[in-house]
């Protein structure tokens, strides 16, 4: 990720929590042979999975759109400007590898998608809860201000009416 010559092929997501590959075919042809003994995109993805990286699926986006979209992968210990976390990335244990090999690619993709979607939904729920909290506070402030304005209006009406009775 530090090699500036591959920035057109792979980059960090906006939040620095995922890596983005805008064109898998170009990446496989231009970048993989520089760092690996192959240029096979599916093998690269399997290697990422072997080390705990997960494909980022975007909830609510149709499969037709995601087929042509940017590939994103994330790992809790692979983050932009956090090289101290890299030491925590480990290859999976052989038992987990065997279980993964026994699972069909479709089932694995489905499981990964569910895990990622659940994580995305959980993050979105927190954002919504925070927005609701802020909205409730604003409503409370507006109620208070409305009550203060009503009090001022009543006082002005009383002053106005008292001026006619004199």
C-alpha atoms as a PDB file:
ATOM      1  CA  UNK A   1       0.000   0.000   0.000  1.00  0.00           C
ATOM      2  CA  UNK A   2       3.015   2.274   0.346  1.00  0.00           C
ATOM      3  CA  UNK A   3       4.113   1.761  -3.258  1.00  0.00           C
ATOM      4  CA  UNK A   4       3.015   4.902  -5.107  1.00  0.00           C
ATOM      5  CA  UNK A   5       3.356   3.180  -8.478  1.00  0.00           C
ATOM      6  CA  UNK A   6       0.252   1.046  -7.775  1.00  0.00           C
ATOM      7  CA  UNK A   7      -2.051   3.753  -6.425  1.00  0.00           C
ATOM      8  CA  UNK A   8      -4.173   3.628  -9.566  1.00  0.00           C
ATOM      9  CA  UNK A   9      -4.790  -0.085  -8.984  1.00  0.00           C
ATOM     10  CA  UNK A  10      -5.345  -0.233  -5.204  1.00  0.00           C
ATOM     11  CA  UNK A  11      -6.071   2.409  -2.604  1.00  0.00           C
ATOM     12  CA  UNK A  12      -7.532   2.982   0.843  1.00  0.00           C
ATOM     13  CA  UNK A  13     -11.238   3.586   1.330  1.00  0.00           C
ATOM     14  CA  UNK A  14     -12.264   7.073   2.425  1.00  0.00           C
ATOM     15  CA  UNK A  15     -12.315   6.055   6.086  1.00  0.00           C
ATOM     16  CA  UNK A  16      -9.008   4.137   5.889  1.00  0.00           C
ATOM     17  CA  UNK A  17     -10.669   0.936   7.101  1.00  0.00           C
ATOM     18  CA  UNK A  18     -10.651  -1.002   3.812  1.00  0.00           C
ATOM     19  CA  UNK A  19      -8.601  -1.447   0.667  1.00  0.00           C
ATOM     20  CA  UNK A  20     -10.248  -0.746  -2.684  1.00  0.00           C
ATOM     21  CA  UNK A  21      -9.492  -2.345  -6.037  1.00  0.00           C
ATOM     22  CA  UNK A  22     -11.424  -0.533  -8.769  1.00  0.00           C
ATOM     23  CA  UNK A  23     -10.585  -3.011 -11.538  1.00  0.00           C
ATOM     24  CA  UNK A  24      -9.736  -6.567 -10.506  1.00  0.00           C
ATOM     25  CA  UNK A  25      -8.593  -7.656 -13.976  1.00  0.00           C
ATOM     26  CA  UNK A  26      -6.156  -4.767 -14.355  1.00  0.00           C
ATOM     27  CA  UNK A  27      -4.926  -5.239 -10.797  1.00  0.00           C
ATOM     28  CA  UNK A  28      -4.326  -8.953 -11.429  1.00  0.00           C
ATOM     29  CA  UNK A  29      -2.427  -8.276 -14.640  1.00  0.00           C
ATOM     30  CA  UNK A  30      -0.386  -5.263 -13.503  1.00  0.00           C
ATOM     31  CA  UNK A  31       0.179  -5.636  -9.763  1.00  0.00           C
ATOM     32  CA  UNK A  32      -0.032  -9.289  -8.715  1.00  0.00           C
ATOM     33  CA  UNK A  33       2.983 -10.465 -10.762  1.00  0.00           C
ATOM     34  CA  UNK A  34       5.134  -7.847  -9.013  1.00  0.00           C
ATOM     35  CA  UNK A  35       4.462  -9.296  -5.569  1.00  0.00           C
ATOM     36  CA  UNK A  36       3.314 -12.885  -6.159  1.00  0.00           C
ATOM     37  CA  UNK A  37       4.199 -15.814  -8.400  1.00  0.00           C
ATOM     38  CA  UNK A  38       0.849 -15.527 -10.173  1.00  0.00           C
ATOM     39  CA  UNK A  39      -1.624 -13.094 -11.667  1.00  0.00           C
ATOM     40  CA  UNK A  40      -4.743 -14.981 -10.611  1.00  0.00           C
ATOM     41  CA  UNK A  41      -7.339 -12.708  -8.962  1.00  0.00           C
ATOM     42  CA  UNK A  42      -9.371 -15.524  -7.289  1.00  0.00           C
ATOM     43  CA  UNK A  43      -6.153 -16.905  -5.744  1.00  0.00           C
ATOM     44  CA  UNK A  44      -5.346 -13.465  -4.388  1.00  0.00           C
ATOM     45  CA  UNK A  45      -8.831 -13.202  -2.863  1.00  0.00           C
ATOM     46  CA  UNK A  46      -8.399 -16.667  -1.268  1.00  0.00           C
ATOM     47  CA  UNK A  47      -5.085 -15.507   0.227  1.00  0.00           C
ATOM     48  CA  UNK A  48      -6.787 -12.454   1.674  1.00  0.00           C
ATOM     49  CA  UNK A  49      -9.499 -14.670   3.169  1.00  0.00           C
ATOM     50  CA  UNK A  50      -6.842 -17.004   4.562  1.00  0.00           C
ATOM     51  CA  UNK A  51      -5.476 -14.079   6.578  1.00  0.00           C
ATOM     52  CA  UNK A  52      -8.880 -12.941   7.793  1.00  0.00           C
ATOM     53  CA  UNK A  53      -9.710 -10.241   5.243  1.00  0.00           C
ATOM     54  CA  UNK A  54     -13.373 -10.052   4.299  1.00  0.00           C
ATOM     55  CA  UNK A  55     -15.010  -8.627   1.202  1.00  0.00           C
ATOM     56  CA  UNK A  56     -17.087  -5.556   1.948  1.00  0.00           C
ATOM     57  CA  UNK A  57     -20.608  -5.897   0.614  1.00  0.00           C
ATOM     58  CA  UNK A  58     -22.785  -2.840   0.302  1.00  0.00           C
ATOM     59  CA  UNK A  59     -26.250  -3.432   1.719  1.00  0.00           C
ATOM     60  CA  UNK A  60     -29.051  -2.296  -0.538  1.00  0.00           C
ATOM     61  CA  UNK A  61     -27.036  -2.304  -3.752  1.00  0.00           C
ATOM     62  CA  UNK A  62     -28.243  -4.736  -6.396  1.00  0.00           C
ATOM     63  CA  UNK A  63     -25.951  -7.588  -7.506  1.00  0.00           C
ATOM     64  CA  UNK A  64     -25.886  -6.172 -11.042  1.00  0.00           C
ATOM     65  CA  UNK A  65     -24.273  -2.975  -9.750  1.00  0.00           C
ATOM     66  CA  UNK A  66     -21.793  -4.724  -7.438  1.00  0.00           C
ATOM     67  CA  UNK A  67     -20.510  -6.920 -10.274  1.00  0.00           C
ATOM     68  CA  UNK A  68     -18.971  -3.818 -11.843  1.00  0.00           C
ATOM     69  CA  UNK A  69     -18.216  -1.986  -8.618  1.00  0.00           C
ATOM     70  CA  UNK A  70     -14.982  -1.504  -6.748  1.00  0.00           C
ATOM     71  CA  UNK A  71     -13.806  -4.544  -4.779  1.00  0.00           C
ATOM     72  CA  UNK A  72     -13.268  -3.714  -1.109  1.00  0.00           C
ATOM     73  CA  UNK A  73     -11.657  -5.824   1.592  1.00  0.00           C
ATOM     74  CA  UNK A  74     -11.248  -5.090   5.250  1.00  0.00           C
ATOM     75  CA  UNK A  75      -9.479  -6.544   8.258  1.00  0.00           C
ATOM     76  CA  UNK A  76      -9.703  -5.176  11.766  1.00  0.00           C
ATOM     77  CA  UNK A  77      -5.898  -4.993  11.983  1.00  0.00           C
ATOM     78  CA  UNK A  78      -5.248  -3.585   8.505  1.00  0.00           C
ATOM     79  CA  UNK A  79      -5.947   0.117   8.677  1.00  0.00           C
ATOM     80  CA  UNK A  80      -4.444   3.187   7.103  1.00  0.00           C
ATOM     81  CA  UNK A  81      -1.717   4.799   9.246  1.00  0.00           C
ATOM     82  CA  UNK A  82      -1.890   2.002  11.847  1.00  0.00           C
ATOM     83  CA  UNK A  83       1.151  -0.135  11.012  1.00  0.00           C
ATOM     84  CA  UNK A  84       1.451  -1.178  14.678  1.00  0.00           C
ATOM     85  CA  UNK A  85      -1.662  -3.354  14.179  1.00  0.00           C
ATOM     86  CA  UNK A  86      -0.134  -5.400  11.349  1.00  0.00           C
ATOM     87  CA  UNK A  87       1.609  -7.735  13.787  1.00  0.00           C
ATOM     88  CA  UNK A  88      -1.835  -9.038  14.825  1.00  0.00           C
ATOM     89  CA  UNK A  89      -2.661 -10.386  11.356  1.00  0.00           C
ATOM     90  CA  UNK A  90      -2.240 -14.162  11.388  1.00  0.00           C
ATOM     91  CA  UNK A  91      -2.840 -16.965   8.956  1.00  0.00           C
ATOM     92  CA  UNK A  92      -5.799 -19.089   9.948  1.00  0.00           C
ATOM     93  CA  UNK A  93      -5.261 -22.397  11.694  1.00  0.00           C
ATOM     94  CA  UNK A  94      -5.244 -25.549   9.472  1.00  0.00           C
ATOM     95  CA  UNK A  95      -8.588 -26.767  10.855  1.00  0.00           C
ATOM     96  CA  UNK A  96     -10.252 -23.534   9.785  1.00  0.00           C
ATOM     97  CA  UNK A  97      -8.547 -23.800   6.398  1.00  0.00           C
ATOM     98  CA  UNK A  98      -9.895 -27.310   5.867  1.00  0.00           C
ATOM     99  CA  UNK A  99     -13.409 -26.247   6.843  1.00  0.00           C
ATOM    100  CA  UNK A 100     -13.201 -23.328   4.444  1.00  0.00           C
ATOM    101  CA  UNK A 101     -11.975 -25.574   1.608  1.00  0.00           C
ATOM    102  CA  UNK A 102     -14.867 -27.968   2.242  1.00  0.00           C
ATOM    103  CA  UNK A 103     -17.372 -25.136   1.943  1.00  0.00           C
ATOM    104  CA  UNK A 104     -18.354 -24.210  -1.589  1.00  0.00           C
ATOM    105  CA  UNK A 105     -17.429 -20.751  -2.837  1.00  0.00           C
ATOM    106  CA  UNK A 106     -21.092 -19.785  -2.994  1.00  0.00           C
ATOM    107  CA  UNK A 107     -21.689 -20.765   0.635  1.00  0.00           C
ATOM    108  CA  UNK A 108     -18.519 -18.942   1.718  1.00  0.00           C
ATOM    109  CA  UNK A 109     -19.553 -15.798  -0.158  1.00  0.00           C
ATOM    110  CA  UNK A 110     -23.015 -16.004   1.391  1.00  0.00           C
ATOM    111  CA  UNK A 111     -21.589 -16.364   4.926  1.00  0.00           C
ATOM    112  CA  UNK A 112     -19.149 -13.529   4.392  1.00  0.00           C
ATOM    113  CA  UNK A 113     -21.915 -11.391   2.987  1.00  0.00           C
ATOM    114  CA  UNK A 114     -24.116 -12.083   6.037  1.00  0.00           C
ATOM    115  CA  UNK A 115     -21.299 -11.250   8.486  1.00  0.00           C
ATOM    116  CA  UNK A 116     -20.422  -8.078   6.636  1.00  0.00           C
ATOM    117  CA  UNK A 117     -24.044  -7.054   6.272  1.00  0.00           C
ATOM    118  CA  UNK A 118     -24.615  -7.623   9.978  1.00  0.00           C
ATOM    119  CA  UNK A 119     -21.590  -5.480  10.806  1.00  0.00           C
ATOM    120  CA  UNK A 120     -22.768  -2.773   8.390  1.00  0.00           C
ATOM    121  CA  UNK A 121     -26.291  -2.845   9.836  1.00  0.00           C
ATOM    122  CA  UNK A 122     -24.895  -2.614  13.360  1.00  0.00           C
ATOM    123  CA  UNK A 123     -22.760   0.408  12.427  1.00  0.00           C
ATOM    124  CA  UNK A 124     -25.716   2.040  10.679  1.00  0.00           C
ATOM    125  CA  UNK A 125     -27.929   1.399  13.719  1.00  0.00           C
ATOM    126  CA  UNK A 126     -25.429   3.227  15.933  1.00  0.00           C
ATOM    127  CA  UNK A 127     -25.415   6.157  13.513  1.00  0.00           C
ATOM    128  CA  UNK A 128     -29.219   6.260  13.501  1.00  0.00           C
ATOM    129  CA  UNK A 129     -29.372   6.048  17.312  1.00  0.00           C
ATOM    130  CA  UNK A 130     -26.944   8.957  17.552  1.00  0.00           C
ATOM    131  CA  UNK A 131     -28.969  10.988  15.042  1.00  0.00           C
ATOM    132  CA  UNK A 132     -32.143  10.218  17.016  1.00  0.00           C
ATOM    133  CA  UNK A 133     -30.484  11.368  20.240  1.00  0.00           C
ATOM    134  CA  UNK A 134     -29.447  14.656  18.604  1.00  0.00           C
ATOM    135  CA  UNK A 135     -32.930  15.114  17.119  1.00  0.00           C
ATOM    136  CA  UNK A 136     -34.561  14.519  20.520  1.00  0.00           C
ATOM    137  CA  UNK A 137     -32.269  17.091  22.123  1.00  0.00           C
ATOM    138  CA  UNK A 138     -33.115  19.622  19.398  1.00  0.00           C
ATOM    139  CA  UNK A 139     -36.831  18.947  19.890  1.00  0.00           C
ATOM    140  CA  UNK A 140     -36.456  19.507  23.645  1.00  0.00           C
ATOM    141  CA  UNK A 141     -34.630  22.786  22.960  1.00  0.00           C
ATOM    142  CA  UNK A 142     -37.341  23.854  20.502  1.00  0.00           C
ATOM    143  CA  UNK A 143     -40.108  23.003  23.031  1.00  0.00           C
ATOM    144  CA  UNK A 144     -38.328  25.066  25.653  1.00  0.00           C
ATOM    145  CA  UNK A 145     -37.890  27.976  23.245  1.00  0.00           C
ATOM    146  CA  UNK A 146     -41.548  27.718  22.160  1.00  0.00           C
ATOM    147  CA  UNK A 147     -42.691  27.849  25.788  1.00  0.00           C
ATOM    148  CA  UNK A 148     -40.475  30.868  26.430  1.00  0.00           C
ATOM    149  CA  UNK A 149     -41.893  32.609  23.347  1.00  0.00           C
ATOM    150  CA  UNK A 150     -45.466  31.852  24.483  1.00  0.00           C
ATOM    151  CA  UNK A 151     -44.696  33.342  27.867  1.00  0.00           C
ATOM    152  CA  UNK A 152     -43.277  36.472  26.229  1.00  0.00           C
ATOM    153  CA  UNK A 153     -46.293  36.686  23.919  1.00  0.00           C
ATOM    154  CA  UNK A 154     -48.721  36.408  26.892  1.00  0.00           C
ATOM    155  CA  UNK A 155     -46.833  39.122  28.728  1.00  0.00           C
ATOM    156  CA  UNK A 156     -46.952  41.403  25.675  1.00  0.00           C
ATOM    157  CA  UNK A 157     -50.681  40.732  25.240  1.00  0.00           C
ATOM    158  CA  UNK A 158     -51.285  41.579  28.886  1.00  0.00           C
ATOM    159  CA  UNK A 159     -49.323  44.814  28.492  1.00  0.00           C
ATOM    160  CA  UNK A 160     -51.206  45.627  25.302  1.00  0.00           C
ATOM    161  CA  UNK A 161     -54.612  44.912  26.876  1.00  0.00           C
ATOM    162  CA  UNK A 162     -53.746  46.840  30.020  1.00  0.00           C
ATOM    163  CA  UNK A 163     -52.956  49.905  27.925  1.00  0.00           C
ATOM    164  CA  UNK A 164     -56.565  49.908  26.606  1.00  0.00           C
ATOM    165  CA  UNK A 165     -58.144  49.609  30.046  1.00  0.00           C
ATOM    166  CA  UNK A 166     -56.405  52.697  31.421  1.00  0.00           C
END
